[in-house]
Amino acid sequence: MNALSDFGPATGVGSLPGTDSREAAKTATGSFEDFPFLPELPARGPGADMIGRTAGLLVELYARVEPSGWRIGDRPGRDTRRAVSWLGEDLDALEEFTQDYTGPVKVQAVGPWTLAAALELRNGESALSDPGACRDLAASLAEGLRLHLAEVRRRIPGGRPVLQLDEPSLTAVLRGQVRSASGYRTHRAVDRQVVESTLRDVIGVHADGPVVVHSCAPDVPFALLRRAGSAAVSFDFSLLTERDEDAIGEAVEAGTRLFTGVVPGTDAALSDPAGSVMGVRTLWRRLGLRPGLLAESVTVTPACGLAGASPAYARQALAHCVRAARSLADNPE
């Protein structure tokens, strides 16, 4: 499952600036000829944001925008319809620019725990406060993702879908750091085994393709994600600490791919491509990993989504990822 052909050497995280789905698809496919992704354009407004977009995928669960955020409701409303419509536009555009494409293609959705932390129940409290609501949400998400992946396969027959689950709140969920509606307290930490088994169930929906879990928060739980069945972990490389190194070494040796976010997600002066991946090479040496494993184990990405970047910088950052990945492959030492 985790063969080199399942992934490309570089790709985007998900979001891009702007509101034009055709322009975004052209950028995502033109930048990454061997690992394009389905862009997200949150600048369009509610329903194009990561929570609203994923809420539009849910089956027999609906959400609407309240002043405090997205809230689960009884029936599909304007906000859900807008999310579904925009996703359809984005798929139309990606389909147009992937005619005759064969290879991996990445689609993103919010994972079950970040979704539970962000979605409100009818009483205004986070779904995370109710174990039953968390289970229902995960089951609805799993079914929605199954249908979404089938649609991607239908539109891009030569594509091999890679599913990315965005879990920026996962560490906060595990540590009991998600704030209640009042803001005065935090929700109780969710048991690690419950977190792991729920992730395993959602990851299992994509049985015939790889799943990557993305978090640009500190302290990514590499070992837990590996046990849950994630074929790859996507993270902001600048947030790694020495505490993470053993878990990363074990993940690589177990065949887990690393999506290393080494290119800044907002406008910044970019170093030469080799300089951007110098830290990855240094980590490899420190862990005593074989240099030849680098190209097989690493996909180069921006540190996080590019929604906050200028359009010119976003294009530059994606091109930089491709050149940095080539540098790693050509000179792994």
Protein backbone atom coordinates (compact mmCIF):
# COMPACT_ATOMS: atom_id res chain seq x y z
CA MET A 1 0.00 0.00 0.00
CA ASN A 2 2.76 2.42 0.84
CA ALA A 3 4.71 1.96 -2.36
CA LEU A 4 6.33 4.95 -4.00
CA SER A 5 3.61 4.94 -6.69
CA ASP A 6 0.92 5.68 -4.08
CA PHE A 7 2.32 9.20 -3.64
CA GLY A 8 4.30 11.80 -5.56
CA PRO A 9 7.47 13.61 -4.46
CA ALA A 10 5.64 16.89 -3.73
CA THR A 11 2.08 18.22 -3.39
CA GLY A 12 -0.01 20.96 -1.77
CA VAL A 13 -1.72 20.80 1.60
CA GLY A 14 -5.18 21.88 0.44
CA SER A 15 -6.18 25.53 0.57
CA LEU A 16 -5.22 28.19 -1.96
CA PRO A 17 -5.99 31.93 -2.11
CA GLY A 18 -8.71 33.35 -4.34
CA THR A 19 -12.22 32.29 -5.33
CA ASP A 20 -11.82 30.94 -8.89
CA SER A 21 -12.05 27.13 -8.91
CA ARG A 22 -10.73 26.78 -12.49
CA GLU A 23 -7.68 28.93 -11.74
CA ALA A 24 -7.03 26.94 -8.55
CA ALA A 25 -7.33 23.58 -10.33
CA LYS A 26 -5.02 24.81 -13.08
CA THR A 27 -2.45 25.81 -10.42
CA ALA A 28 -2.76 22.53 -8.47
CA THR A 29 -2.47 20.31 -11.54
CA GLY A 30 0.13 22.43 -13.32
CA SER A 31 2.39 22.64 -10.27
CA PHE A 32 2.23 18.92 -9.45
CA GLU A 33 2.09 16.89 -12.64
CA ASP A 34 2.53 13.63 -10.71
CA PHE A 35 0.56 14.38 -7.49
CA PRO A 36 -2.18 17.00 -8.02
CA PHE A 37 -4.69 17.84 -5.29
CA LEU A 38 -8.26 19.12 -5.09
CA PRO A 39 -7.90 22.78 -4.02
CA GLU A 40 -9.98 24.40 -1.28
CA LEU A 41 -10.84 28.11 -1.55
CA PRO A 42 -12.01 29.35 1.87
CA ALA A 43 -12.02 32.99 0.69
CA ARG A 44 -15.41 32.24 -0.92
CA GLY A 45 -16.96 32.27 2.56
CA PRO A 46 -18.91 29.89 4.83
CA GLY A 47 -19.24 26.50 3.16
CA ALA A 48 -15.84 26.82 1.50
CA ASP A 49 -14.04 26.85 4.88
CA MET A 50 -12.64 23.47 5.97
CA ILE A 51 -15.38 22.76 8.54
CA GLY A 52 -18.25 23.82 6.29
CA ARG A 53 -16.86 21.96 3.29
CA THR A 54 -16.66 18.72 5.27
CA ALA A 55 -20.08 19.34 6.85
CA GLY A 56 -21.41 19.29 3.28
CA LEU A 57 -20.10 15.73 2.89
CA LEU A 58 -21.96 14.36 5.93
CA VAL A 59 -24.72 11.80 5.32
CA GLU A 60 -28.03 12.28 7.19
CA LEU A 61 -26.46 14.98 9.36
CA TYR A 62 -26.68 18.67 8.47
CA ALA A 63 -25.06 21.84 9.70
CA ARG A 64 -25.75 25.56 9.41
CA VAL A 65 -23.78 28.68 10.26
CA GLU A 66 -24.57 30.43 13.54
CA PRO A 67 -22.75 33.53 14.87
CA SER A 68 -20.64 31.17 17.02
CA GLY A 69 -19.76 28.79 14.16
CA TRP A 70 -21.15 25.68 12.47
CA ARG A 71 -24.03 23.97 14.31
CA ILE A 72 -25.71 20.63 13.63
CA GLY A 73 -29.33 21.11 12.52
CA ASP A 74 -32.36 19.05 11.47
CA ARG A 75 -32.36 19.57 7.72
CA PRO A 76 -30.08 20.76 4.93
CA GLY A 77 -30.14 24.53 4.71
CA ARG A 78 -28.63 27.24 2.54
CA ASP A 79 -25.15 26.86 4.06
CA THR A 80 -24.96 23.11 3.41
CA ARG A 81 -26.30 23.53 -0.14
CA ARG A 82 -23.66 26.16 -0.81
CA ALA A 83 -20.90 23.85 0.48
CA VAL A 84 -22.12 21.02 -1.77
CA SER A 85 -22.37 23.35 -4.77
CA TRP A 86 -18.85 24.72 -4.35
CA LEU A 87 -17.38 21.24 -3.93
CA GLY A 88 -19.14 20.26 -7.16
CA GLU A 89 -17.57 23.26 -8.93
CA ASP A 90 -14.15 22.31 -7.62
CA LEU A 91 -14.55 18.72 -8.81
CA ASP A 92 -15.70 19.95 -12.24
CA ALA A 93 -12.56 22.07 -12.52
CA LEU A 94 -10.24 19.29 -11.35
CA GLU A 95 -11.87 16.86 -13.78
CA GLU A 96 -11.29 19.33 -16.61
CA PHE A 97 -7.56 19.62 -15.86
CA THR A 98 -6.94 15.90 -15.25
CA GLN A 99 -8.16 14.49 -18.57
CA ASP A 100 -6.10 11.34 -19.33
CA TYR A 101 -4.20 11.73 -16.03
CA THR A 102 -3.01 8.53 -14.39
CA GLY A 103 -1.48 8.55 -10.93
CA PRO A 104 -2.19 9.63 -7.36
CA VAL A 105 -4.58 12.54 -6.77
CA LYS A 106 -5.18 13.93 -3.28
CA VAL A 107 -8.47 15.07 -1.76
CA GLN A 108 -8.86 16.57 1.72
CA ALA A 109 -11.55 16.51 4.41
CA VAL A 110 -11.59 17.34 8.10
CA GLY A 111 -11.02 14.29 10.30
CA PRO A 112 -13.56 13.08 12.89
CA TRP A 113 -11.95 14.62 15.97
CA THR A 114 -11.33 18.12 14.61
CA LEU A 115 -14.86 18.02 13.22
CA ALA A 116 -16.26 17.00 16.65
CA ALA A 117 -14.28 19.79 18.31
CA ALA A 118 -15.57 22.40 15.85
CA LEU A 119 -19.22 21.45 15.24
CA GLU A 120 -21.78 22.58 17.82
CA LEU A 121 -24.74 20.56 19.04
CA ARG A 122 -28.19 22.17 19.23
CA ASN A 123 -27.41 23.41 22.76
CA GLY A 124 -24.38 25.34 21.46
CA GLU A 125 -21.84 23.01 23.07
CA SER A 126 -19.18 21.22 21.03
CA ALA A 127 -20.07 17.75 19.73
CA LEU A 128 -16.93 16.67 21.55
CA SER A 129 -18.89 16.94 24.82
CA ASP A 130 -21.15 14.03 23.84
CA PRO A 131 -19.60 10.58 23.09
CA GLY A 132 -22.75 9.48 21.25
CA ALA A 133 -22.66 12.56 19.04
CA CYS A 134 -18.97 11.85 18.29
CA ARG A 135 -19.83 8.31 17.18
CA ASP A 136 -22.72 9.49 14.98
CA LEU A 137 -20.55 12.20 13.45
CA ALA A 138 -17.71 9.76 12.66
CA ALA A 139 -20.14 7.27 11.06
CA SER A 140 -21.77 10.01 8.97
CA LEU A 141 -18.36 11.32 7.90
CA ALA A 142 -17.15 7.83 6.95
CA GLU A 143 -20.17 7.27 4.69
CA GLY A 144 -19.80 10.75 3.16
CA LEU A 145 -16.13 10.13 2.43
CA ARG A 146 -16.93 6.78 0.82
CA LEU A 147 -19.34 8.50 -1.59
CA HIS A 148 -16.91 11.38 -2.21
CA LEU A 149 -14.05 9.03 -3.10
CA ALA A 150 -16.35 7.09 -5.46
CA GLU A 151 -17.22 10.39 -7.17
CA VAL A 152 -13.52 11.29 -7.53
CA ARG A 153 -12.84 7.88 -9.12
CA ARG A 154 -15.74 8.35 -11.52
CA ARG A 155 -14.51 11.77 -12.63
CA ILE A 156 -10.82 10.86 -12.85
CA PRO A 157 -10.84 7.20 -13.98
CA GLY A 158 -7.04 7.01 -14.23
CA GLY A 159 -6.50 8.67 -10.86
CA ARG A 160 -5.71 6.81 -7.66
CA PRO A 161 -7.33 8.83 -4.83
CA VAL A 162 -5.25 9.63 -1.76
CA LEU A 163 -7.45 10.77 1.15
CA GLN A 164 -6.07 13.42 3.50
CA LEU A 165 -7.79 13.86 6.87
CA ASP A 166 -7.09 17.28 8.40
CA GLU A 167 -6.76 16.92 12.18
CA PRO A 168 -5.28 20.19 13.55
CA SER A 169 -7.28 19.81 16.81
CA LEU A 170 -6.27 16.20 17.46
CA THR A 171 -3.58 16.98 20.05
CA ALA A 172 -5.95 19.36 21.89
CA VAL A 173 -8.63 16.63 21.94
CA LEU A 174 -6.16 14.13 23.41
CA ARG A 175 -4.99 16.60 26.05
CA GLY A 176 -8.35 18.04 27.09
CA GLN A 177 -7.53 21.50 25.71
CA VAL A 178 -10.64 22.13 23.58
CA ARG A 179 -12.55 25.04 25.15
CA SER A 180 -16.22 24.84 26.06
CA ALA A 181 -18.80 27.26 24.59
CA SER A 182 -18.44 29.56 27.61
CA GLY A 183 -14.65 29.61 27.23
CA TYR A 184 -14.27 29.18 31.00
CA ARG A 185 -13.48 25.48 30.97
CA THR A 186 -12.20 22.78 28.64
CA HIS A 187 -13.74 19.52 27.53
CA ARG A 188 -12.41 16.38 29.15
CA ALA A 189 -9.60 14.61 27.27
CA VAL A 190 -10.86 11.78 25.05
CA ASP A 191 -9.38 8.37 25.80
CA ARG A 192 -6.52 7.58 23.39
CA GLN A 193 -7.97 4.18 22.49
CA VAL A 194 -11.30 5.77 21.57
CA VAL A 195 -9.49 8.37 19.44
CA GLU A 196 -7.45 5.67 17.74
CA SER A 197 -10.35 3.29 17.04
CA THR A 198 -12.53 6.10 15.63
CA LEU A 199 -9.71 7.19 13.33
CA ARG A 200 -9.17 3.57 12.29
CA ASP A 201 -12.85 3.27 11.33
CA VAL A 202 -12.78 6.43 9.22
CA ILE A 203 -9.42 5.57 7.63
CA GLY A 204 -10.79 2.11 6.83
CA VAL A 205 -13.35 3.66 4.45
CA HIS A 206 -10.53 4.08 1.91
CA ALA A 207 -9.54 0.41 1.97
CA ASP A 208 -8.15 0.39 -1.57
CA GLY A 209 -6.02 3.53 -1.27
CA PRO A 210 -3.74 5.34 1.19
CA VAL A 211 -4.81 7.86 3.83
CA VAL A 212 -2.61 10.69 5.07
CA VAL A 213 -3.44 12.53 8.31
CA HIS A 214 -2.43 16.19 8.35
CA SER A 215 -1.84 18.46 11.34
CA CYS A 216 0.08 21.72 11.35
CA ALA A 217 -0.17 21.88 15.18
CA PRO A 218 2.71 20.95 17.52
CA ASP A 219 3.11 17.46 19.04
CA VAL A 220 1.58 15.37 16.26
CA PRO A 221 0.84 11.86 17.70
CA PHE A 222 2.84 9.94 15.06
CA ALA A 223 2.65 6.53 16.78
CA LEU A 224 -1.12 6.74 17.37
CA LEU A 225 -1.74 7.70 13.72
CA ARG A 226 0.43 4.84 12.50
CA ARG A 227 -1.48 2.35 14.67
CA ALA A 228 -4.78 3.76 13.38
CA GLY A 229 -3.75 2.82 9.84
CA SER A 230 -2.54 6.12 8.40
CA ALA A 231 -0.14 5.42 5.51
CA ALA A 232 1.37 8.90 5.82
CA VAL A 233 1.53 11.83 8.25
CA SER A 234 1.61 15.44 7.07
CA PHE A 235 3.05 18.08 9.42
CA ASP A 236 4.78 21.45 9.78
CA PHE A 237 8.46 20.47 9.88
CA SER A 238 9.44 23.64 11.79
CA LEU A 239 7.34 22.52 14.82
CA LEU A 240 9.23 19.25 15.36
CA THR A 241 11.14 18.85 18.61
CA GLU A 242 13.61 16.23 19.80
CA ARG A 243 10.68 14.48 21.53
CA ASP A 244 9.23 13.65 18.10
CA GLU A 245 12.37 12.09 16.64
CA ASP A 246 12.07 8.53 17.94
CA ALA A 247 8.45 8.31 16.82
CA ILE A 248 9.40 9.61 13.37
CA GLY A 249 12.24 7.11 13.06
CA GLU A 250 9.90 4.25 14.02
CA ALA A 251 7.25 5.50 11.58
CA VAL A 252 9.71 5.61 8.65
CA GLU A 253 11.07 2.16 9.45
CA ALA A 254 7.48 0.84 9.57
CA GLY A 255 6.84 2.22 6.05
CA THR A 256 4.92 5.38 6.97
CA ARG A 257 5.47 8.22 4.53
CA LEU A 258 6.25 11.72 5.81
CA PHE A 259 4.68 14.78 4.20
CA THR A 260 7.21 17.32 5.42
CA GLY A 261 5.89 20.88 5.44
CA VAL A 262 9.09 22.84 4.80
CA VAL A 263 7.91 25.80 2.68
CA PRO A 264 6.26 28.71 4.61
CA GLY A 265 2.48 28.92 4.15
CA THR A 266 2.36 32.73 4.01
CA ASP A 267 4.44 35.14 1.94
CA ALA A 268 8.11 34.84 2.83
CA ALA A 269 11.50 35.00 1.18
CA LEU A 270 12.30 31.47 0.00
CA SER A 271 15.79 29.99 0.33
CA ASP A 272 17.26 27.87 -2.43
CA PRO A 273 15.40 24.53 -2.78
CA ALA A 274 18.27 22.52 -1.26
CA GLY A 275 18.23 24.83 1.77
CA SER A 276 14.50 24.20 2.31
CA VAL A 277 15.11 20.46 2.80
CA MET A 278 18.41 20.74 4.66
CA GLY A 279 16.62 20.09 7.97
CA VAL A 280 15.10 16.89 6.56
CA ARG A 281 18.54 15.61 5.53
CA THR A 282 19.94 16.54 8.97
CA LEU A 283 17.11 14.70 10.75
CA TRP A 284 17.74 11.64 8.56
CA ARG A 285 21.41 11.56 9.54
CA ARG A 286 20.58 12.03 13.21
CA LEU A 287 18.16 9.13 13.12
CA GLY A 288 20.69 6.93 11.32
CA LEU A 289 18.27 6.31 8.44
CA ARG A 290 19.55 5.23 5.02
CA PRO A 291 19.88 8.26 2.67
CA GLY A 292 18.38 6.17 -0.13
CA LEU A 293 15.15 5.98 1.88
CA LEU A 294 14.59 9.74 1.59
CA ALA A 295 12.91 9.83 -1.81
CA GLU A 296 10.86 6.74 -0.92
CA SER A 297 9.72 8.18 2.42
CA VAL A 298 9.25 11.93 1.97
CA THR A 299 6.75 14.10 0.09
CA VAL A 300 7.57 17.82 0.23
CA THR A 301 4.69 20.24 0.95
CA PRO A 302 4.06 23.75 2.27
CA ALA A 303 3.98 23.98 6.08
CA CYS A 304 0.19 24.38 5.99
CA GLY A 305 -2.55 25.57 3.65
CA LEU A 306 -1.87 28.62 1.47
CA ALA A 307 -5.21 30.44 1.90
CA GLY A 308 -3.46 33.35 3.66
CA ALA A 309 -0.81 33.79 0.97
CA SER A 310 -0.89 36.06 -2.07
CA PRO A 311 -1.73 34.25 -5.33
CA ALA A 312 1.76 34.94 -6.70
CA TYR A 313 3.45 33.56 -3.59
CA ALA A 314 1.17 30.49 -3.54
CA ARG A 315 2.26 29.58 -7.08
CA GLN A 316 5.88 30.24 -6.15
CA ALA A 317 5.63 28.10 -2.99
CA LEU A 318 4.16 25.13 -4.86
CA ALA A 319 6.86 25.32 -7.54
CA HIS A 320 9.45 25.55 -4.77
CA CYS A 321 8.13 22.30 -3.22
CA VAL A 322 8.73 20.51 -6.53
CA ARG A 323 12.30 21.82 -6.81
CA ALA A 324 13.04 20.98 -3.16
CA ALA A 325 11.78 17.41 -3.66
CA ARG A 326 14.00 17.07 -6.73
CA SER A 327 16.96 18.26 -4.65
CA LEU A 328 16.24 15.57 -2.05
CA ALA A 329 16.03 12.86 -4.68
CA ASP A 330 19.15 13.99 -6.58
CA ASN A 331 21.30 14.52 -3.51
CA PRO A 332 20.03 12.57 -0.48
CA GLU A 333 23.34 12.77 1.41
